[in-house]
Amino acid sequence: MTKHTPAPWKAEFDEAVSVRSEDGSRICTINWLRGRHGLKGRIDGDEGNANARLIAAAPDLLETLKQIKRENQHYNFGSKLVRIVDAAIAKAEGEP
């Protein structure tokens, strides 16, 4: 598995909304169109900005889930919580 660009990531709200790494490299640019080829219209600015903030927080959220798993590996917090945390980590890391 290829590792993601190291955190921190930062959402930028300029002419285009994007997410950048600490060295200024662009992680992504928010697309303002919905659906294939934008056939379902545009998203509004608030939704695009919220998407950028969520994407920028992704590395921190992933590390938090891993920390929760490490710190609680000896406790039984219920299988549902364990499955949710494991599934989220796997999804972020591209595992099946």
N, C-alpha and C. Protein backbone atom coordinates (compact mmCIF):
# COMPACT_ATOMS: atom_id res chain seq x y z
N MET A 1 0.84 -1.18 0.00
CA MET A 1 0.00 0.00 0.00
C MET A 1 0.88 1.24 0.00
N THR A 2 0.55 2.21 -0.80
CA THR A 2 1.24 3.47 -0.82
C THR A 2 0.73 4.34 0.31
N LYS A 3 1.62 5.00 0.99
CA LYS A 3 1.21 5.88 2.09
C LYS A 3 0.68 7.19 1.53
N HIS A 4 -0.24 7.80 2.27
CA HIS A 4 -0.80 9.08 1.85
C HIS A 4 0.19 10.21 2.15
N THR A 5 -0.07 11.35 1.58
CA THR A 5 0.73 12.54 1.84
C THR A 5 0.67 12.85 3.33
N PRO A 6 1.81 13.09 3.95
CA PRO A 6 1.81 13.34 5.40
C PRO A 6 0.97 14.56 5.80
N ALA A 7 0.39 14.46 6.97
CA ALA A 7 -0.34 15.59 7.57
C ALA A 7 0.68 16.61 8.05
N PRO A 8 0.27 17.82 8.32
CA PRO A 8 -1.11 18.31 8.29
C PRO A 8 -1.54 18.72 6.88
N TRP A 9 -2.84 18.62 6.67
CA TRP A 9 -3.47 19.11 5.46
C TRP A 9 -4.30 20.33 5.83
N LYS A 10 -4.44 21.25 4.88
CA LYS A 10 -5.16 22.48 5.16
C LYS A 10 -6.11 22.80 4.01
N ALA A 11 -7.35 23.14 4.35
CA ALA A 11 -8.32 23.58 3.34
C ALA A 11 -8.04 25.04 3.02
N GLU A 12 -8.05 25.36 1.72
CA GLU A 12 -7.85 26.74 1.28
C GLU A 12 -9.06 27.19 0.49
N PHE A 13 -9.53 28.36 0.81
CA PHE A 13 -10.75 28.88 0.20
C PHE A 13 -10.41 30.13 -0.60
N ASP A 14 -9.81 29.91 -1.76
CA ASP A 14 -9.46 31.01 -2.66
C ASP A 14 -10.44 30.99 -3.82
N GLU A 15 -9.95 31.35 -4.99
CA GLU A 15 -10.79 31.30 -6.19
C GLU A 15 -11.32 29.88 -6.40
N ALA A 16 -10.45 28.90 -6.16
CA ALA A 16 -10.86 27.49 -6.16
C ALA A 16 -10.66 26.96 -4.74
N VAL A 17 -11.55 26.10 -4.30
CA VAL A 17 -11.40 25.50 -2.98
C VAL A 17 -10.53 24.26 -3.16
N SER A 18 -9.47 24.17 -2.36
CA SER A 18 -8.57 23.03 -2.47
C SER A 18 -8.06 22.63 -1.10
N VAL A 19 -7.40 21.49 -1.06
CA VAL A 19 -6.75 21.00 0.14
C VAL A 19 -5.28 20.84 -0.21
N ARG A 20 -4.41 21.37 0.66
CA ARG A 20 -2.97 21.34 0.41
C ARG A 20 -2.24 20.74 1.60
N SER A 21 -1.09 20.16 1.29
CA SER A 21 -0.22 19.63 2.34
C SER A 21 0.59 20.78 2.94
N GLU A 22 1.36 20.44 3.96
CA GLU A 22 2.15 21.46 4.65
C GLU A 22 3.15 22.14 3.72
N ASP A 23 3.67 21.40 2.73
CA ASP A 23 4.64 22.01 1.81
C ASP A 23 3.97 22.75 0.65
N GLY A 24 2.64 22.81 0.66
CA GLY A 24 1.90 23.54 -0.36
C GLY A 24 1.44 22.70 -1.53
N SER A 25 1.82 21.42 -1.56
CA SER A 25 1.38 20.54 -2.64
C SER A 25 -0.14 20.36 -2.57
N ARG A 26 -0.77 20.37 -3.72
CA ARG A 26 -2.22 20.22 -3.76
C ARG A 26 -2.61 18.75 -3.59
N ILE A 27 -3.46 18.49 -2.61
CA ILE A 27 -4.01 17.16 -2.38
C ILE A 27 -5.20 16.96 -3.31
N CYS A 28 -6.08 17.97 -3.34
CA CYS A 28 -7.24 17.90 -4.22
C CYS A 28 -7.82 19.30 -4.42
N THR A 29 -8.63 19.40 -5.44
CA THR A 29 -9.43 20.60 -5.70
C THR A 29 -10.88 20.17 -5.68
N ILE A 30 -11.72 20.92 -5.01
CA ILE A 30 -13.14 20.57 -4.90
C ILE A 30 -13.84 20.86 -6.22
N ASN A 31 -14.54 19.85 -6.72
CA ASN A 31 -15.32 19.99 -7.93
C ASN A 31 -16.71 20.51 -7.55
N TRP A 32 -17.13 21.55 -8.19
CA TRP A 32 -18.41 22.17 -7.83
C TRP A 32 -19.61 21.56 -8.54
N LEU A 33 -19.37 20.50 -9.31
CA LEU A 33 -20.46 19.89 -10.07
C LEU A 33 -20.84 18.54 -9.49
N ARG A 34 -22.12 18.19 -9.61
CA ARG A 34 -22.63 16.91 -9.13
C ARG A 34 -22.81 15.95 -10.31
N GLY A 35 -22.61 14.69 -10.03
CA GLY A 35 -22.90 13.68 -11.03
C GLY A 35 -21.89 13.65 -12.16
N ARG A 36 -22.04 12.66 -12.99
CA ARG A 36 -21.13 12.50 -14.12
C ARG A 36 -21.25 13.71 -15.05
N HIS A 37 -20.15 14.34 -15.31
CA HIS A 37 -20.07 15.50 -16.20
C HIS A 37 -20.91 16.68 -15.71
N GLY A 38 -21.24 16.72 -14.43
CA GLY A 38 -21.98 17.84 -13.87
C GLY A 38 -23.43 17.90 -14.29
N LEU A 39 -23.98 16.79 -14.72
CA LEU A 39 -25.35 16.80 -15.23
C LEU A 39 -26.40 17.02 -14.15
N LYS A 40 -26.02 16.86 -12.88
CA LYS A 40 -26.99 17.04 -11.80
C LYS A 40 -26.87 18.40 -11.14
N GLY A 41 -26.18 19.32 -11.76
CA GLY A 41 -26.09 20.68 -11.23
C GLY A 41 -24.88 20.91 -10.35
N ARG A 42 -24.85 22.07 -9.74
CA ARG A 42 -23.72 22.49 -8.93
C ARG A 42 -24.01 22.27 -7.45
N ILE A 43 -22.93 22.01 -6.67
CA ILE A 43 -23.07 22.04 -5.22
C ILE A 43 -22.92 23.49 -4.79
N ASP A 44 -23.46 23.82 -3.65
CA ASP A 44 -23.31 25.21 -3.21
C ASP A 44 -21.97 25.39 -2.51
N GLY A 45 -21.59 26.63 -2.29
CA GLY A 45 -20.31 26.94 -1.68
C GLY A 45 -20.14 26.36 -0.29
N ASP A 46 -21.21 26.38 0.50
CA ASP A 46 -21.13 25.84 1.86
C ASP A 46 -20.81 24.34 1.85
N GLU A 47 -21.45 23.62 0.94
CA GLU A 47 -21.20 22.18 0.85
C GLU A 47 -19.77 21.91 0.37
N GLY A 48 -19.33 22.65 -0.62
CA GLY A 48 -17.96 22.48 -1.10
C GLY A 48 -16.93 22.80 -0.02
N ASN A 49 -17.18 23.85 0.74
CA ASN A 49 -16.28 24.21 1.83
C ASN A 49 -16.26 23.14 2.92
N ALA A 50 -17.44 22.59 3.24
CA ALA A 50 -17.51 21.52 4.23
C ALA A 50 -16.77 20.28 3.74
N ASN A 51 -16.88 19.97 2.46
CA ASN A 51 -16.15 18.84 1.90
C ASN A 51 -14.65 19.05 2.03
N ALA A 52 -14.18 20.25 1.75
CA ALA A 52 -12.75 20.55 1.86
C ALA A 52 -12.26 20.41 3.29
N ARG A 53 -13.04 20.89 4.25
CA ARG A 53 -12.63 20.76 5.66
C ARG A 53 -12.57 19.29 6.08
N LEU A 54 -13.53 18.48 5.63
CA LEU A 54 -13.54 17.06 5.96
C LEU A 54 -12.33 16.35 5.35
N ILE A 55 -12.03 16.63 4.11
CA ILE A 55 -10.87 16.03 3.46
C ILE A 55 -9.59 16.44 4.17
N ALA A 56 -9.48 17.71 4.53
CA ALA A 56 -8.28 18.19 5.23
C ALA A 56 -8.10 17.51 6.58
N ALA A 57 -9.19 17.12 7.22
CA ALA A 57 -9.13 16.47 8.53
C ALA A 57 -8.85 14.97 8.42
N ALA A 58 -8.92 14.39 7.23
CA ALA A 58 -8.81 12.94 7.06
C ALA A 58 -7.58 12.32 7.71
N PRO A 59 -6.36 12.86 7.53
CA PRO A 59 -5.20 12.22 8.17
C PRO A 59 -5.31 12.22 9.69
N ASP A 60 -5.83 13.30 10.25
CA ASP A 60 -5.99 13.38 11.71
C ASP A 60 -7.05 12.38 12.19
N LEU A 61 -8.14 12.25 11.45
CA LEU A 61 -9.18 11.30 11.82
C LEU A 61 -8.66 9.87 11.76
N LEU A 62 -7.90 9.55 10.73
CA LEU A 62 -7.33 8.21 10.61
C LEU A 62 -6.39 7.92 11.78
N GLU A 63 -5.53 8.86 12.10
CA GLU A 63 -4.60 8.65 13.21
C GLU A 63 -5.36 8.51 14.53
N THR A 64 -6.43 9.25 14.70
CA THR A 64 -7.25 9.14 15.92
C THR A 64 -7.86 7.74 16.04
N LEU A 65 -8.38 7.21 14.94
CA LEU A 65 -8.94 5.86 14.98
C LEU A 65 -7.87 4.83 15.33
N LYS A 66 -6.69 4.98 14.76
CA LYS A 66 -5.59 4.05 15.06
C LYS A 66 -5.19 4.15 16.53
N GLN A 67 -5.18 5.37 17.06
CA GLN A 67 -4.83 5.58 18.46
C GLN A 67 -5.88 4.95 19.37
N ILE A 68 -7.15 5.13 19.04
CA ILE A 68 -8.23 4.50 19.81
C ILE A 68 -8.04 3.00 19.83
N LYS A 69 -7.74 2.42 18.69
CA LYS A 69 -7.55 0.97 18.61
C LYS A 69 -6.35 0.53 19.45
N ARG A 70 -5.23 1.26 19.34
CA ARG A 70 -4.04 0.91 20.12
C ARG A 70 -4.29 0.98 21.62
N GLU A 71 -4.91 2.06 22.06
CA GLU A 71 -5.11 2.28 23.49
C GLU A 71 -6.18 1.40 24.10
N ASN A 72 -7.03 0.82 23.29
CA ASN A 72 -8.13 0.02 23.82
C ASN A 72 -8.08 -1.43 23.37
N GLN A 73 -6.94 -1.88 22.91
CA GLN A 73 -6.85 -3.24 22.37
C GLN A 73 -7.10 -4.32 23.42
N HIS A 74 -6.92 -4.01 24.70
CA HIS A 74 -7.11 -5.01 25.74
C HIS A 74 -8.49 -4.95 26.39
N TYR A 75 -9.33 -4.03 25.93
CA TYR A 75 -10.65 -3.88 26.51
C TYR A 75 -11.71 -4.32 25.51
N ASN A 76 -12.83 -4.77 26.00
CA ASN A 76 -13.92 -5.17 25.13
C ASN A 76 -14.97 -4.07 25.14
N PHE A 77 -14.96 -3.24 24.10
CA PHE A 77 -15.92 -2.14 24.00
C PHE A 77 -17.11 -2.51 23.13
N GLY A 78 -17.25 -3.79 22.86
CA GLY A 78 -18.36 -4.23 22.03
C GLY A 78 -17.90 -4.46 20.61
N SER A 79 -18.35 -5.53 20.04
CA SER A 79 -17.87 -5.90 18.71
C SER A 79 -18.31 -4.91 17.64
N LYS A 80 -19.44 -4.25 17.84
CA LYS A 80 -19.91 -3.29 16.83
C LYS A 80 -18.93 -2.13 16.70
N LEU A 81 -18.47 -1.58 17.81
CA LEU A 81 -17.51 -0.48 17.77
C LEU A 81 -16.20 -0.93 17.13
N VAL A 82 -15.74 -2.11 17.49
CA VAL A 82 -14.50 -2.63 16.91
C VAL A 82 -14.65 -2.78 15.40
N ARG A 83 -15.77 -3.31 14.95
CA ARG A 83 -16.00 -3.47 13.50
C ARG A 83 -16.04 -2.13 12.78
N ILE A 84 -16.67 -1.15 13.40
CA ILE A 84 -16.76 0.18 12.78
C ILE A 84 -15.38 0.81 12.65
N VAL A 85 -14.59 0.77 13.73
CA VAL A 85 -13.24 1.34 13.70
C VAL A 85 -12.38 0.60 12.69
N ASP A 86 -12.41 -0.73 12.72
CA ASP A 86 -11.60 -1.52 11.78
C ASP A 86 -11.99 -1.25 10.34
N ALA A 87 -13.30 -1.14 10.07
CA ALA A 87 -13.78 -0.89 8.70
C ALA A 87 -13.35 0.49 8.22
N ALA A 88 -13.41 1.49 9.08
CA ALA A 88 -13.00 2.84 8.69
C ALA A 88 -11.51 2.89 8.40
N ILE A 89 -10.70 2.24 9.21
CA ILE A 89 -9.25 2.21 8.97
C ILE A 89 -8.97 1.49 7.66
N ALA A 90 -9.60 0.35 7.44
CA ALA A 90 -9.40 -0.41 6.21
C ALA A 90 -9.80 0.41 4.98
N LYS A 91 -10.90 1.11 5.07
CA LYS A 91 -11.36 1.93 3.94
C LYS A 91 -10.35 3.03 3.64
N ALA A 92 -9.84 3.67 4.66
CA ALA A 92 -8.87 4.75 4.46
C ALA A 92 -7.56 4.24 3.90
N GLU A 93 -7.21 2.99 4.22
CA GLU A 93 -5.95 2.44 3.77
C GLU A 93 -6.08 1.59 2.51
N GLY A 94 -7.28 1.56 1.93
CA GLY A 94 -7.50 0.86 0.67
C GLY A 94 -7.52 -0.65 0.78
N GLU A 95 -7.83 -1.14 1.96
CA GLU A 95 -7.92 -2.58 2.15
C GLU A 95 -9.35 -3.04 1.90
N PRO A 96 -9.51 -4.30 1.48
CA PRO A 96 -10.87 -4.81 1.23
C PRO A 96 -11.68 -4.96 2.50
